[in-house]
Structure formats: structure tokens, C-alpha cells
């Protein structure tokens, strides 16, 4: 059988030479039937690994979603820009998507419970409407979704919206101030703001000292200008005190703001620094006695006093008087002196004991006590 197979291959070989006129290479043997005709190679191929997006890193930071829309005429909507410039008198309607929406807007509109502004919560969105706008309404309008569990709600930081609106009024470059002279306290451990905000977005604003008269540069190191806040003193110190004002220029016209008295604060922020002193610690029957509670603190921080005294359970009549005033302690330092005096007339044995004063501010409270004995 193998002989016949070899003879067949020779005949095919000769036939190919007759057809092509070429001799097949003698060093290559004919392949056996079924023999693999693909020559194996040792070439190394680097496998391609598909790139997989790291979902963990992408999802680790929640995406911020703007939920605010501005309602235009004829029922059209648009996402408001970071700043809007509108003419005073125009109405504004803002909507924020969500079933529970919180709002923030210029405090001026809340001070007098202004009826020009209304806030409503609909089934799918919150709605804020302001009519008959004035330059005093200039400020930040913002909203946020609320995550609630029962009656307790917290802000959803991923669903917010905001826009700062300039309400431009003819002849008014600055947001109106309720007075012609304001006081700004310079505290060494926090920023201070001269709040001369403008109503014209394109206005150039500069800060000036009244005496000696000169411009105070906003160099970005000590003082910066923020159109939403005013001139910000980043690190206030005593050399900054004095009377200043702002100047705005736009469209070939200029205007100056109200004046601001900058006062340096001598006492750092914190719970009240409190002392207590009795007019006498030994009192005879029928005499009067007074106990004074004193706090030295920041000029713009209010202090509340409460008293506990020996005759309180017996409803002993006493007189309590609270007062405060600003005092200057040299080198231009200003401090608020707050005092509370409790007075007991016609002293009796039930009035003897501890007189306890508690002074409280936004940073905390301090309790002090003294004794008054029956002599």
C-alpha cells in the first residue's frame, strides 16, 4: 500500500515540474497527508487586559447636583448662573426640585417679615417668589434638599442650588445700609468684614481711610475684596482701626458708601470672663446689700445673666438690673462691659448664704459665687 502511495506522489511531482517549468527544492520533503502545514513559532504575545473603570474611586465622592431653576416669562425655565443682574422692580421666581426644600436668602428680607417674599413647598418642588424687588434685596439666594427622619432633618449636601442676584437701581451703587455710620469690630482671632456690597456687577470698588485721607489697597494678603461680602480683613490688628469708607465707579459716575468705624477688640472670643463682688460680705439685720456680677468681653457679643440666691425658695423680693457699655482700654482697644446687680433690702437671716451668678454668651457660660453672712 505504501509503495502505491509513493508512486502517486512521484507522478504528482513530475506533473508540477512540467506545468511550472521549475524544479521543486530537493531539500524539502513532501508533506504527508494530514500533516500540519502551519509552522509553529516561539513568538511571545502579551495578552491584552481590558481596562476596567475603578468604580470605587469614582463613587467615593458624591456628585453635586444643582436643583435650582429660574422661572422666566411664558413658562420657560433655565438654570440660573452663579450671578444674575436684574433691574430693581423685577419679580423673581426660583424653584428647587424636591419634596422637602430648605431656603436661604438675604437676612434683610427676614428682619421685617417682608411680605414681598413668599416660600412655598409643593409636592415635587420648593418655590421662592420675590416681587417689587429693590437694591436692598441684593444677595445670595440658595436652596438645598433635606433628608428627614421624623421631625429631624439635615441638609443633603449633594442636592443644592444657589445664585447671587444684583438688583440694580438707578442712583444706587451700594446695597443700602440702615444707618449712615456703622461699627466694625476687629478681633485678632477671626476675619472682619467692611460690608460695602455693590448692586452693579461691573462697578470698580476701592477702600479708603478718612484720616489721614488715602486709599487702602486690597493686596490679597491682609485685605481682599469679595463682591458678595465686601472688604475682608484676613488678620485684623490694631493698626487697621479708624474710620473708612468705600468708593464705587461705574459708567463714568462714582459714589461713596456709608462710613465704618473700625474698633480693635482687646478681649479674645470665648466664654464670658466673669467676676463677682458683694458690697459687703457681713450684713446687719435691716441693712441693704448688693452683689455685682461683671463680664469683660467682645463689643458685639451679648451676655445674659441668671442668679441663684438664698431667699429664692421663699420668694424673697429682690431687685436685679442688667446694663452694658463700651469702654476704651488704651491703644485703641475696645471692650464691652456687661454688669448685673442683685440688691436685697432689709437684710434678714434667710438672705444669708451663697449668691451665684451665671453669665452666658454664644461661646459658653461661666458661673461665679460669693457668700454674704448675717452679722
Protein backbone atom coordinates (compact mmCIF):
# COMPACT_ATOMS: atom_id res chain seq x y z
CA UNK A 1 0.00 0.00 0.00
CA UNK A 2 2.85 2.36 0.89
CA UNK A 3 4.53 1.62 -2.46
CA UNK A 4 1.47 2.72 -4.42
CA UNK A 5 1.27 5.89 -2.33
CA UNK A 6 4.91 6.80 -3.07
CA UNK A 7 4.44 6.21 -6.80
CA UNK A 8 1.45 8.55 -6.74
CA UNK A 9 3.45 11.27 -5.10
CA UNK A 10 6.28 10.96 -7.68
CA UNK A 11 3.80 11.30 -10.51
CA UNK A 12 2.38 14.47 -8.93
CA UNK A 13 5.91 15.83 -8.51
CA UNK A 14 6.76 15.32 -12.18
CA UNK A 15 3.46 16.83 -13.24
CA UNK A 16 4.16 20.00 -11.30
CA UNK A 17 7.60 20.34 -12.86
CA UNK A 18 6.03 20.05 -16.33
CA UNK A 19 3.41 22.71 -15.56
CA UNK A 20 5.63 25.30 -13.80
CA UNK A 21 8.90 24.57 -15.58
CA UNK A 22 10.63 24.78 -12.21
CA UNK A 23 12.24 22.14 -10.13
CA UNK A 24 10.90 21.79 -6.65
CA UNK A 25 13.57 22.16 -3.97
CA UNK A 26 15.19 18.86 -3.26
CA UNK A 27 15.80 19.63 0.42
CA UNK A 28 12.12 19.83 1.23
CA UNK A 29 10.28 16.65 1.52
CA UNK A 30 6.65 16.41 0.51
CA UNK A 31 4.31 16.74 3.48
CA UNK A 32 2.46 13.65 4.46
CA UNK A 33 -1.31 13.83 4.04
CA UNK A 34 -2.86 15.32 7.18
CA UNK A 35 0.45 16.86 8.28
CA UNK A 36 0.12 20.33 9.81
CA UNK A 37 1.05 22.91 7.18
CA UNK A 38 1.35 25.81 9.69
CA UNK A 39 4.85 26.21 11.03
CA UNK A 40 4.78 26.68 14.77
CA UNK A 41 6.55 29.77 16.16
CA UNK A 42 8.02 30.65 19.53
CA UNK A 43 6.90 34.32 19.37
CA UNK A 44 5.58 35.55 22.73
CA UNK A 45 2.35 37.53 22.58
CA UNK A 46 1.50 39.79 25.50
CA UNK A 47 -2.13 39.32 26.38
CA UNK A 48 -4.27 42.48 26.31
CA UNK A 49 -6.00 43.16 29.58
CA UNK A 50 -9.17 45.22 29.19
CA UNK A 51 -9.21 48.42 31.24
CA UNK A 52 -11.78 48.36 33.98
CA UNK A 53 -13.04 51.66 35.43
CA UNK A 54 -12.45 51.92 39.14
CA UNK A 55 -15.98 52.31 40.38
CA UNK A 56 -14.95 52.70 43.97
CA UNK A 57 -12.81 55.77 43.26
CA UNK A 58 -15.46 57.26 41.01
CA UNK A 59 -18.22 56.79 43.54
CA UNK A 60 -16.23 57.72 46.66
CA UNK A 61 -17.06 61.43 46.22
CA UNK A 62 -20.78 62.15 45.86
CA UNK A 63 -21.71 64.11 42.76
CA UNK A 64 -23.10 67.59 43.37
CA UNK A 65 -26.45 68.09 41.71
CA UNK A 66 -27.84 71.57 41.08
CA UNK A 67 -31.56 71.50 41.79
CA UNK A 68 -32.37 75.20 41.23
CA UNK A 69 -34.27 76.58 38.23
CA UNK A 70 -35.29 80.14 37.41
CA UNK A 71 -38.80 80.64 36.05
CA UNK A 72 -38.85 83.01 33.07
CA UNK A 73 -41.77 84.55 31.21
CA UNK A 74 -44.25 82.35 29.32
CA UNK A 75 -43.49 79.35 31.48
CA UNK A 76 -39.87 78.94 30.35
CA UNK A 77 -37.18 77.65 32.72
CA UNK A 78 -33.40 77.95 32.89
CA UNK A 79 -30.64 77.08 35.32
CA UNK A 80 -29.55 80.38 36.90
CA UNK A 81 -25.93 81.47 36.53
CA UNK A 82 -23.70 81.92 39.58
CA UNK A 83 -24.55 85.65 39.42
CA UNK A 84 -27.59 87.40 37.96
CA UNK A 85 -28.07 91.10 37.31
CA UNK A 86 -31.68 92.33 37.31
CA UNK A 87 -33.33 95.73 37.40
CA UNK A 88 -34.93 96.74 40.68
CA UNK A 89 -38.69 96.26 40.45
CA UNK A 90 -38.47 92.96 38.61
CA UNK A 91 -40.00 89.84 40.12
CA UNK A 92 -38.02 86.68 40.68
CA UNK A 93 -39.29 83.10 40.91
CA UNK A 94 -36.94 80.27 41.81
CA UNK A 95 -37.80 76.60 42.07
CA UNK A 96 -35.80 73.74 43.56
CA UNK A 97 -36.64 70.12 42.86
CA UNK A 98 -37.52 68.02 45.91
CA UNK A 99 -40.33 67.22 48.32
CA UNK A 100 -38.51 68.87 51.26
CA UNK A 101 -36.55 72.02 50.40
CA UNK A 102 -34.74 74.46 52.68
CA UNK A 103 -34.10 78.07 51.63
CA UNK A 104 -31.69 80.88 52.45
CA UNK A 105 -31.96 84.48 51.24
CA UNK A 106 -30.76 87.97 52.31
CA UNK A 107 -31.42 88.47 56.03
CA UNK A 108 -32.85 91.90 55.24
CA UNK A 109 -35.98 90.20 53.90
CA UNK A 110 -36.48 88.36 57.19
CA UNK A 111 -35.80 91.26 59.52
CA UNK A 112 -39.13 92.97 58.92
CA UNK A 113 -41.06 89.82 57.88
CA UNK A 114 -41.28 91.30 54.39
CA UNK A 115 -44.49 90.35 52.59
CA UNK A 116 -42.83 90.77 49.19
CA UNK A 117 -41.18 87.35 49.56
CA UNK A 118 -43.01 84.04 49.81
CA UNK A 119 -41.72 80.49 50.20
CA UNK A 120 -43.94 77.51 49.42
CA UNK A 121 -43.42 73.75 49.36
CA UNK A 122 -45.23 71.90 46.59
CA UNK A 123 -45.40 68.15 46.11
CA UNK A 124 -42.34 67.94 43.84
CA UNK A 125 -40.54 71.27 44.30
CA UNK A 126 -39.97 74.22 46.60
CA UNK A 127 -40.84 77.69 45.35
CA UNK A 128 -39.47 81.14 46.28
CA UNK A 129 -41.06 84.27 44.85
CA UNK A 130 -39.89 87.87 45.32
CA UNK A 131 -41.95 90.78 43.93
CA UNK A 132 -41.23 94.52 43.72
CA UNK A 133 -37.51 93.96 44.27
CA UNK A 134 -35.22 96.76 45.47
CA UNK A 135 -31.46 97.23 45.59
CA UNK A 136 -31.59 96.24 49.28
CA UNK A 137 -32.58 92.71 48.19
CA UNK A 138 -29.17 92.14 46.58
CA UNK A 139 -27.59 88.97 47.90
CA UNK A 140 -27.34 85.17 47.84
CA UNK A 141 -30.42 83.04 47.20
CA UNK A 142 -29.84 79.33 47.83
CA UNK A 143 -31.73 76.10 48.39
CA UNK A 144 -30.98 72.53 49.42
CA UNK A 145 -32.71 69.19 49.74
CA UNK A 146 -33.45 67.91 53.22
CA UNK A 147 -33.07 64.35 54.49
CA UNK A 148 -35.61 63.85 57.25
CA UNK A 149 -36.26 61.19 59.83
CA UNK A 150 -39.46 62.11 61.59
CA UNK A 151 -39.17 65.72 62.69
CA UNK A 152 -35.37 65.79 62.50
CA UNK A 153 -33.92 66.95 59.17
CA UNK A 154 -30.41 67.52 57.89
CA UNK A 155 -29.04 69.17 54.76
CA UNK A 156 -28.41 66.97 51.72
CA UNK A 157 -25.04 68.30 50.53
CA UNK A 158 -25.39 66.56 47.15
CA UNK A 159 -28.57 68.44 46.17
CA UNK A 160 -28.14 72.19 46.36
CA UNK A 161 -28.56 75.30 44.24
CA UNK A 162 -27.63 78.96 44.56
CA UNK A 163 -27.35 82.23 42.70
CA UNK A 164 -26.22 85.72 43.76
CA UNK A 165 -28.59 88.39 42.42
CA UNK A 166 -27.63 92.03 41.87
CA UNK A 167 -30.74 94.25 41.87
CA UNK A 168 -29.59 97.39 40.09
CA UNK A 169 -31.39 100.62 40.98
CA UNK A 170 -30.77 103.97 39.36
CA UNK A 171 -28.55 106.17 41.53
CA UNK A 172 -27.71 103.33 43.95
CA UNK A 173 -24.29 101.70 43.61
CA UNK A 174 -24.23 100.26 47.14
CA UNK A 175 -26.64 97.99 48.95
CA UNK A 176 -28.43 100.44 51.28
CA UNK A 177 -27.43 100.47 54.95
CA UNK A 178 -29.93 101.15 57.77
CA UNK A 179 -27.62 103.83 59.21
CA UNK A 180 -25.11 106.39 58.00
CA UNK A 181 -22.38 105.16 60.34
CA UNK A 182 -21.64 101.52 61.22
CA UNK A 183 -19.20 99.93 63.65
CA UNK A 184 -16.96 97.01 62.62
CA UNK A 185 -15.07 95.20 65.37
CA UNK A 186 -11.57 93.92 64.62
CA UNK A 187 -10.95 90.70 66.51
CA UNK A 188 -7.39 89.31 66.33
CA UNK A 189 -8.54 85.69 66.03
CA UNK A 190 -11.08 85.99 63.21
CA UNK A 191 -11.79 87.86 59.97
CA UNK A 192 -13.52 91.24 59.93
CA UNK A 193 -15.71 92.49 57.07
CA UNK A 194 -16.43 96.03 55.92
CA UNK A 195 -19.80 95.19 54.29
CA UNK A 196 -19.90 97.69 51.42
CA UNK A 197 -21.55 95.47 48.77
CA UNK A 198 -22.45 96.87 45.37
CA UNK A 199 -25.57 96.46 43.23
CA UNK A 200 -23.72 96.89 39.92
CA UNK A 201 -21.69 93.86 38.89
CA UNK A 202 -19.28 95.89 36.73
CA UNK A 203 -18.51 98.51 39.41
CA UNK A 204 -14.90 99.06 40.48
CA UNK A 205 -14.76 99.27 44.28
CA UNK A 206 -11.95 100.71 46.41
CA UNK A 207 -11.47 101.15 50.16
CA UNK A 208 -10.41 104.50 51.67
CA UNK A 209 -9.33 105.81 55.06
CA UNK A 210 -10.94 109.09 56.15
CA UNK A 211 -7.96 110.44 58.11
CA UNK A 212 -5.28 110.62 57.00
CA UNK A 213 -7.07 110.53 53.65
CA UNK A 214 -5.72 107.72 51.48
CA UNK A 215 -6.73 104.62 49.57
CA UNK A 216 -6.24 101.31 51.40
CA UNK A 217 -5.04 98.71 48.88
CA UNK A 218 -6.71 95.30 48.81
CA UNK A 219 -3.44 93.44 48.29
CA UNK A 220 -4.80 89.92 48.72
CA UNK A 221 -2.58 89.33 51.74
CA UNK A 222 -4.05 91.46 54.55
CA UNK A 223 -7.21 92.67 52.81
CA UNK A 224 -9.22 91.14 49.96
CA UNK A 225 -12.38 92.28 48.17
CA UNK A 226 -15.28 89.85 47.89
CA UNK A 227 -18.20 91.20 45.85
CA UNK A 228 -20.61 89.09 47.94
CA UNK A 229 -19.30 90.32 51.33
CA UNK A 230 -17.25 93.48 50.96
CA UNK A 231 -13.66 94.16 52.05
CA UNK A 232 -12.37 91.33 54.23
CA UNK A 233 -9.57 91.88 56.76
CA UNK A 234 -7.92 88.47 56.94
CA UNK A 235 -5.77 89.13 60.02
CA UNK A 236 -7.04 92.24 61.84
CA UNK A 237 -4.69 94.16 64.11
CA UNK A 238 -4.77 97.46 65.96
CA UNK A 239 -3.14 99.41 63.10
CA UNK A 240 -6.29 98.80 60.99
CA UNK A 241 -8.59 100.79 63.28
CA UNK A 242 -10.02 104.12 62.20
CA UNK A 243 -12.82 105.45 60.02
CA UNK A 244 -13.09 104.04 56.47
CA UNK A 245 -15.49 104.17 53.55
CA UNK A 246 -15.84 102.57 50.11
CA UNK A 247 -15.93 104.19 46.67
CA UNK A 248 -17.62 102.64 43.61
CA UNK A 249 -17.17 103.71 39.98
CA UNK A 250 -19.30 102.60 37.03
CA UNK A 251 -20.45 104.16 33.78
CA UNK A 252 -18.43 107.33 34.32
CA UNK A 253 -20.06 108.02 37.69
CA UNK A 254 -18.89 107.43 41.24
CA UNK A 255 -20.45 107.09 44.66
CA UNK A 256 -19.21 106.62 48.23
CA UNK A 257 -20.68 104.33 50.88
CA UNK A 258 -21.61 105.00 54.48
CA UNK A 259 -18.69 105.31 56.89
CA UNK A 260 -17.44 102.49 59.08
CA UNK A 261 -15.71 102.89 62.44
CA UNK A 262 -13.17 100.08 62.88
CA UNK A 263 -12.57 99.28 66.56
CA UNK A 264 -9.96 96.82 67.75
CA UNK A 265 -11.17 94.25 70.29
CA UNK A 266 -8.99 93.69 73.36
CA UNK A 267 -10.65 90.51 74.65
CA UNK A 268 -10.44 87.26 72.63
CA UNK A 269 -13.57 85.23 71.94
CA UNK A 270 -14.70 82.57 74.39
CA UNK A 271 -16.99 82.04 77.39
CA UNK A 272 -17.53 85.18 79.50
CA UNK A 273 -14.68 86.36 81.69
CA UNK A 274 -16.70 86.89 84.89
CA UNK A 275 -16.08 88.33 88.36
CA UNK A 276 -18.40 88.76 91.35
CA UNK A 277 -18.23 91.20 94.25
CA UNK A 278 -20.54 91.94 97.17
CA UNK A 279 -20.89 95.42 98.65
CA UNK A 280 -20.28 93.72 101.98
CA UNK A 281 -19.80 90.09 102.95
CA UNK A 282 -21.16 90.65 106.50
CA UNK A 283 -24.50 92.44 106.77
CA UNK A 284 -26.51 93.52 109.80
CA UNK A 285 -30.24 92.96 110.10
CA UNK A 286 -32.23 95.63 108.27
CA UNK A 287 -29.33 96.80 106.10
CA UNK A 288 -29.24 96.68 102.28
CA UNK A 289 -26.72 94.65 100.30
CA UNK A 290 -25.81 94.48 96.61
CA UNK A 291 -23.87 91.82 94.70
CA UNK A 292 -22.27 92.81 91.39
CA UNK A 293 -21.51 90.37 88.55
CA UNK A 294 -19.19 91.76 85.85
CA UNK A 295 -18.15 90.50 82.41
CA UNK A 296 -15.48 91.93 80.09
CA UNK A 297 -15.99 90.69 76.55
CA UNK A 298 -16.21 91.39 72.84
CA UNK A 299 -18.06 94.60 71.92
CA UNK A 300 -20.65 92.88 69.72
CA UNK A 301 -21.29 89.80 71.88
CA UNK A 302 -24.31 89.98 74.19
CA UNK A 303 -24.24 88.44 77.65
CA UNK A 304 -27.20 87.03 79.61
CA UNK A 305 -27.17 86.81 83.42
CA UNK A 306 -29.04 84.47 85.75
CA UNK A 307 -28.99 84.44 89.57
CA UNK A 308 -29.45 81.91 92.35
CA UNK A 309 -29.77 83.44 95.86
CA UNK A 310 -30.63 82.20 99.36
CA UNK A 311 -34.13 83.68 99.67
CA UNK A 312 -35.24 82.43 96.23
CA UNK A 313 -37.22 79.43 97.54
CA UNK A 314 -39.08 81.70 99.96
CA UNK A 315 -39.83 84.16 97.10
CA UNK A 316 -37.84 86.86 98.83
CA UNK A 317 -38.26 90.11 96.82
CA UNK A 318 -35.03 91.34 95.22
CA UNK A 319 -34.10 93.85 92.52
CA UNK A 320 -31.98 92.75 89.51
CA UNK A 321 -30.64 95.28 87.00
CA UNK A 322 -28.57 94.45 83.88
CA UNK A 323 -26.51 97.06 81.98
CA UNK A 324 -23.70 97.22 79.43
CA UNK A 325 -21.46 99.82 77.80
CA UNK A 326 -18.34 100.05 75.62
CA UNK A 327 -15.08 101.09 77.27
CA UNK A 328 -11.75 102.07 75.72
CA UNK A 329 -8.76 100.46 77.41
CA UNK A 330 -5.92 102.39 75.76
CA UNK A 331 -4.10 101.79 72.43
CA UNK A 332 -7.48 101.89 70.72
CA UNK A 333 -8.67 98.62 72.32
CA UNK A 334 -12.42 98.45 72.88
CA UNK A 335 -14.22 96.13 75.30
CA UNK A 336 -17.83 95.52 76.23
CA UNK A 337 -18.51 95.88 79.97
CA UNK A 338 -21.64 93.93 80.96
CA UNK A 339 -22.91 94.00 84.54
CA UNK A 340 -25.75 92.55 86.57
CA UNK A 341 -26.58 93.79 90.11
CA UNK A 342 -28.84 91.99 92.57
CA UNK A 343 -29.99 94.11 95.52
CA UNK A 344 -31.57 92.87 98.74
CA UNK A 345 -33.24 95.43 101.00
CA UNK A 346 -33.86 95.00 104.72
CA UNK A 347 -31.48 92.04 105.10
CA UNK A 348 -32.77 89.08 107.14
CA UNK A 349 -31.38 85.74 108.26
CA UNK A 350 -32.96 83.96 105.22
CA UNK A 351 -30.84 86.20 102.95
CA UNK A 352 -27.54 84.83 104.26
CA UNK A 353 -25.69 82.30 102.09
CA UNK A 354 -24.32 81.88 98.58
CA UNK A 355 -25.12 84.33 95.78
CA UNK A 356 -24.43 82.58 92.46
CA UNK A 357 -24.17 84.41 89.13
CA UNK A 358 -24.08 82.65 85.74
CA UNK A 359 -23.04 84.66 82.66
CA UNK A 360 -23.66 83.15 79.23
CA UNK A 361 -22.80 84.08 75.65
CA UNK A 362 -22.70 82.18 72.35
CA UNK A 363 -19.34 80.58 73.24
CA UNK A 364 -20.41 79.18 76.61
CA UNK A 365 -21.10 80.13 80.18
CA UNK A 366 -19.22 80.96 83.41
CA UNK A 367 -20.51 80.63 86.97
CA UNK A 368 -19.12 82.56 89.95
CA UNK A 369 -20.27 82.81 93.56
CA UNK A 370 -19.74 84.74 96.76
CA UNK A 371 -21.10 84.47 100.32
CA UNK A 372 -22.95 87.05 102.34
CA UNK A 373 -23.16 86.33 106.09
CA UNK A 374 -25.54 87.62 108.73
CA UNK A 375 -23.73 89.82 111.21
